[in-house]
Amino acid sequence: MSWGKNSPPKVNATNPVLLGFNEPDRSDQGNMTVDEAIALWPQLVQKSNRLGSPAVAEKADKVGGWLETFMSYKPKVDFIAIHWYAPPNSKSFLSHIDAVYAKYNLPIWVTEFAVADWAGKYPGGYDVELVKTFMKEACAGLDKRSFVENYTWKSRPTSDPKLGTSGLWNDDGSLTDLGKIYANYI
């Protein structure tokens, strides 16, 4: 993945697959305007055989959003990269995936997703049983969609206050119950 304007890909050879910029719409992540991304995009095109869109933090199907504006320039993009962090609602998540596909008609890579409690209502994250149910429904739903080529769960330590119950590993490196469920899908 090319992080942002200050970290273009450093590989000299052509990468088989390259992910575009990481959350360019966030000041604490890629932090790029659409014009900056478009100006740098040819460098990414030259260094990849397949190139994923920038993975925005806001909803990728947002009307007038960062990704829609970027895509209006018609850059070479082989698949749409999606990040998704929200409460454990698999129907909402899968509806979003369907909406992004309908909007761009390109394969989907969910390069980061997990259940997150950004508001901090639940110490350590949502109830782990809700997260397990979400994971099973979300992964099964992604597997049924032929246009979803890849997906990757974002794991943090189980002590993380926002995503702890989305953790795949215990502190000793062993799989959590959630990690064992995910292992069945990958």
Protein backbone atom coordinates (compact mmCIF):
# COMPACT_ATOMS: atom_id res chain seq x y z
CA MET A 1 0.00 0.00 0.00
CA SER A 2 1.15 3.48 -0.76
CA TRP A 3 0.43 5.36 2.48
CA GLY A 4 0.21 8.94 1.23
CA LYS A 5 1.99 11.76 -0.57
CA ASN A 6 5.12 11.41 1.55
CA SER A 7 5.51 7.67 1.08
CA PRO A 8 5.13 6.55 -2.53
CA PRO A 9 5.96 2.88 -3.24
CA LYS A 10 9.68 2.25 -2.73
CA VAL A 11 9.86 -0.95 -4.76
CA ASN A 12 11.77 -0.48 -8.01
CA ALA A 13 10.30 -3.48 -9.77
CA THR A 14 6.66 -3.70 -10.78
CA ASN A 15 4.38 -4.99 -8.03
CA PRO A 16 1.80 -7.55 -9.10
CA VAL A 17 -0.78 -5.72 -6.96
CA LEU A 18 -0.56 -2.33 -5.31
CA LEU A 19 -3.07 -0.71 -3.00
CA GLY A 20 -3.68 3.00 -3.46
CA PHE A 21 -3.40 5.57 -0.71
CA ASN A 22 -4.43 4.79 2.87
CA GLU A 23 -7.38 6.88 4.07
CA PRO A 24 -6.35 10.01 2.18
CA ASP A 25 -9.48 11.74 3.50
CA ARG A 26 -8.14 11.69 7.09
CA SER A 27 -5.59 14.19 8.36
CA ASP A 28 -4.06 11.58 10.69
CA GLN A 29 -3.66 9.03 7.88
CA GLY A 30 -2.85 9.58 4.17
CA ASN A 31 -3.96 13.22 4.39
CA MET A 32 -4.23 14.08 0.71
CA THR A 33 -6.48 16.17 -1.43
CA VAL A 34 -7.95 14.51 -4.49
CA ASP A 35 -5.76 16.73 -6.68
CA GLU A 36 -2.62 15.59 -4.83
CA ALA A 37 -3.64 11.94 -5.23
CA ILE A 38 -4.41 12.35 -8.94
CA ALA A 39 -1.02 14.04 -9.50
CA LEU A 40 0.81 11.10 -7.87
CA TRP A 41 -1.39 8.35 -9.32
CA PRO A 42 0.72 7.79 -12.49
CA GLN A 43 3.63 6.72 -10.24
CA LEU A 44 1.46 3.99 -8.75
CA VAL A 45 0.19 2.92 -12.17
CA GLN A 46 3.79 2.50 -13.36
CA LYS A 47 4.69 0.34 -10.37
CA SER A 48 1.80 -2.12 -10.50
CA ASN A 49 0.11 -4.67 -12.70
CA ARG A 50 -3.15 -4.28 -10.75
CA LEU A 51 -3.97 -1.18 -8.78
CA GLY A 52 -6.55 -0.73 -6.05
CA SER A 53 -8.29 2.55 -5.38
CA PRO A 54 -7.38 4.68 -2.40
CA ALA A 55 -9.10 3.22 0.68
CA VAL A 56 -11.10 6.07 2.17
CA ALA A 57 -12.16 6.32 5.81
CA GLU A 58 -15.61 7.69 4.95
CA LYS A 59 -18.12 5.47 3.20
CA ALA A 60 -16.78 4.61 -0.24
CA ASP A 61 -20.22 5.11 -1.82
CA LYS A 62 -20.73 8.61 -0.35
CA VAL A 63 -22.21 11.00 -2.88
CA GLY A 64 -19.78 13.88 -3.36
CA GLY A 65 -17.21 12.11 -1.18
CA TRP A 66 -13.47 11.89 -1.59
CA LEU A 67 -13.54 8.61 -3.57
CA GLU A 68 -16.35 9.72 -5.88
CA THR A 69 -14.42 12.90 -6.69
CA PHE A 70 -11.22 10.91 -7.26
CA MET A 71 -12.99 8.43 -9.53
CA SER A 72 -14.52 11.28 -11.56
CA TYR A 73 -11.02 11.83 -13.02
CA LYS A 74 -11.24 8.29 -14.46
CA PRO A 75 -7.86 7.09 -13.16
CA LYS A 76 -6.69 3.54 -13.83
CA VAL A 77 -8.26 1.54 -11.00
CA ASP A 78 -8.62 -2.23 -11.18
CA PHE A 79 -10.56 -2.73 -7.95
CA ILE A 80 -12.07 -0.68 -5.13
CA ALA A 81 -10.40 -0.95 -1.71
CA ILE A 82 -12.75 -0.53 1.23
CA HIS A 83 -12.20 0.16 4.92
CA TRP A 84 -15.17 -0.35 7.24
CA TYR A 85 -15.37 0.06 11.02
CA ALA A 86 -18.76 0.30 12.69
CA PRO A 87 -21.17 -1.41 15.08
CA PRO A 88 -21.89 -5.13 14.54
CA ASN A 89 -24.54 -4.87 11.83
CA SER A 90 -23.75 -7.30 9.01
CA LYS A 91 -26.76 -6.25 6.92
CA SER A 92 -25.56 -2.63 6.92
CA PHE A 93 -22.01 -3.71 6.09
CA LEU A 94 -23.03 -5.99 3.22
CA SER A 95 -25.45 -3.37 1.88
CA HIS A 96 -22.54 -0.95 1.78
CA ILE A 97 -20.41 -3.46 -0.14
CA ASP A 98 -23.26 -3.93 -2.64
CA ALA A 99 -23.71 -0.16 -3.01
CA VAL A 100 -20.01 0.39 -3.72
CA TYR A 101 -20.05 -2.33 -6.34
CA ALA A 102 -23.19 -0.89 -7.93
CA LYS A 103 -21.62 2.56 -8.00
CA TYR A 104 -18.23 1.67 -9.51
CA ASN A 105 -18.83 -1.76 -11.12
CA LEU A 106 -15.35 -2.87 -10.15
CA PRO A 107 -14.21 -5.82 -8.03
CA ILE A 108 -14.03 -5.15 -4.28
CA TRP A 109 -11.21 -5.71 -1.83
CA VAL A 110 -12.19 -5.09 1.79
CA THR A 111 -8.66 -4.32 2.98
CA GLU A 112 -9.67 -3.49 6.57
CA PHE A 113 -12.87 -4.21 8.46
CA ALA A 114 -13.83 -4.86 12.06
CA VAL A 115 -16.43 -4.03 14.66
CA ALA A 116 -15.46 -0.76 16.33
CA ASP A 117 -16.87 1.29 19.17
CA TRP A 118 -15.44 4.71 18.29
CA ALA A 119 -17.81 6.45 20.73
CA GLY A 120 -16.42 4.45 23.64
CA LYS A 121 -19.82 3.33 24.92
CA TYR A 122 -18.62 -0.21 25.63
CA PRO A 123 -15.28 -0.62 27.47
CA GLY A 124 -13.09 -2.81 25.27
CA GLY A 125 -15.57 -2.82 22.40
CA TYR A 126 -18.91 -4.39 21.64
CA ASP A 127 -19.94 -7.65 23.29
CA VAL A 128 -17.76 -10.39 21.83
CA GLU A 129 -20.79 -12.57 21.04
CA LEU A 130 -22.18 -9.77 18.83
CA VAL A 131 -18.78 -9.49 17.14
CA LYS A 132 -18.68 -13.25 16.51
CA THR A 133 -22.15 -13.19 14.97
CA PHE A 134 -21.16 -10.21 12.81
CA MET A 135 -18.01 -11.94 11.63
CA LYS A 136 -19.82 -15.14 10.66
CA GLU A 137 -22.56 -13.28 8.78
CA ALA A 138 -20.19 -10.77 7.17
CA CYS A 139 -17.62 -13.33 6.01
CA ALA A 140 -20.32 -15.67 4.70
CA GLY A 141 -21.90 -12.74 2.86
CA LEU A 142 -18.59 -11.63 1.37
CA ASP A 143 -17.85 -15.19 0.25
CA LYS A 144 -21.18 -15.30 -1.61
CA ARG A 145 -20.42 -12.15 -3.60
CA SER A 146 -18.43 -13.05 -6.69
CA PHE A 147 -17.26 -9.46 -7.08
CA VAL A 148 -15.51 -9.51 -3.68
CA GLU A 149 -12.02 -10.75 -4.49
CA ASN A 150 -10.37 -10.35 -1.07
CA TYR A 151 -11.12 -9.30 2.47
CA THR A 152 -9.03 -8.86 5.60
CA TRP A 153 -10.17 -8.42 9.19
CA LYS A 154 -8.35 -5.66 11.10
CA SER A 155 -7.14 -6.95 14.43
CA ARG A 156 -5.86 -5.01 17.39
CA PRO A 157 -4.85 -6.24 20.85
CA THR A 158 -7.70 -7.50 23.00
CA SER A 159 -6.88 -4.64 25.40
CA ASP A 160 -7.70 -1.98 22.78
CA PRO A 161 -10.53 0.20 24.17
CA LYS A 162 -12.32 0.59 20.81
CA LEU A 163 -11.67 -2.70 19.00
CA GLY A 164 -10.56 -5.07 21.76
CA THR A 165 -13.36 -7.56 21.21
CA SER A 166 -12.45 -7.62 17.50
CA GLY A 167 -8.99 -8.96 18.35
CA LEU A 168 -7.93 -12.18 16.65
CA TRP A 169 -5.01 -12.95 19.00
CA ASN A 170 -4.56 -13.11 22.73
CA ASP A 171 -1.54 -11.44 24.32
CA ASP A 172 0.31 -14.78 24.26
CA GLY A 173 -0.16 -15.05 20.47
CA SER A 174 -2.84 -17.73 20.59
CA LEU A 175 -6.03 -17.24 18.62
CA THR A 176 -9.05 -15.78 20.38
CA ASP A 177 -12.40 -17.47 19.78
CA LEU A 178 -12.98 -14.81 17.12
CA GLY A 179 -9.62 -15.64 15.56
CA LYS A 180 -10.62 -19.30 15.37
CA ILE A 181 -13.82 -18.36 13.58
CA TYR A 182 -11.94 -16.14 11.12
CA ALA A 183 -9.41 -18.90 10.43
CA ASN A 184 -12.28 -20.95 8.98
CA TYR A 185 -12.91 -18.28 6.34
CA ILE A 186 -9.37 -17.55 5.19
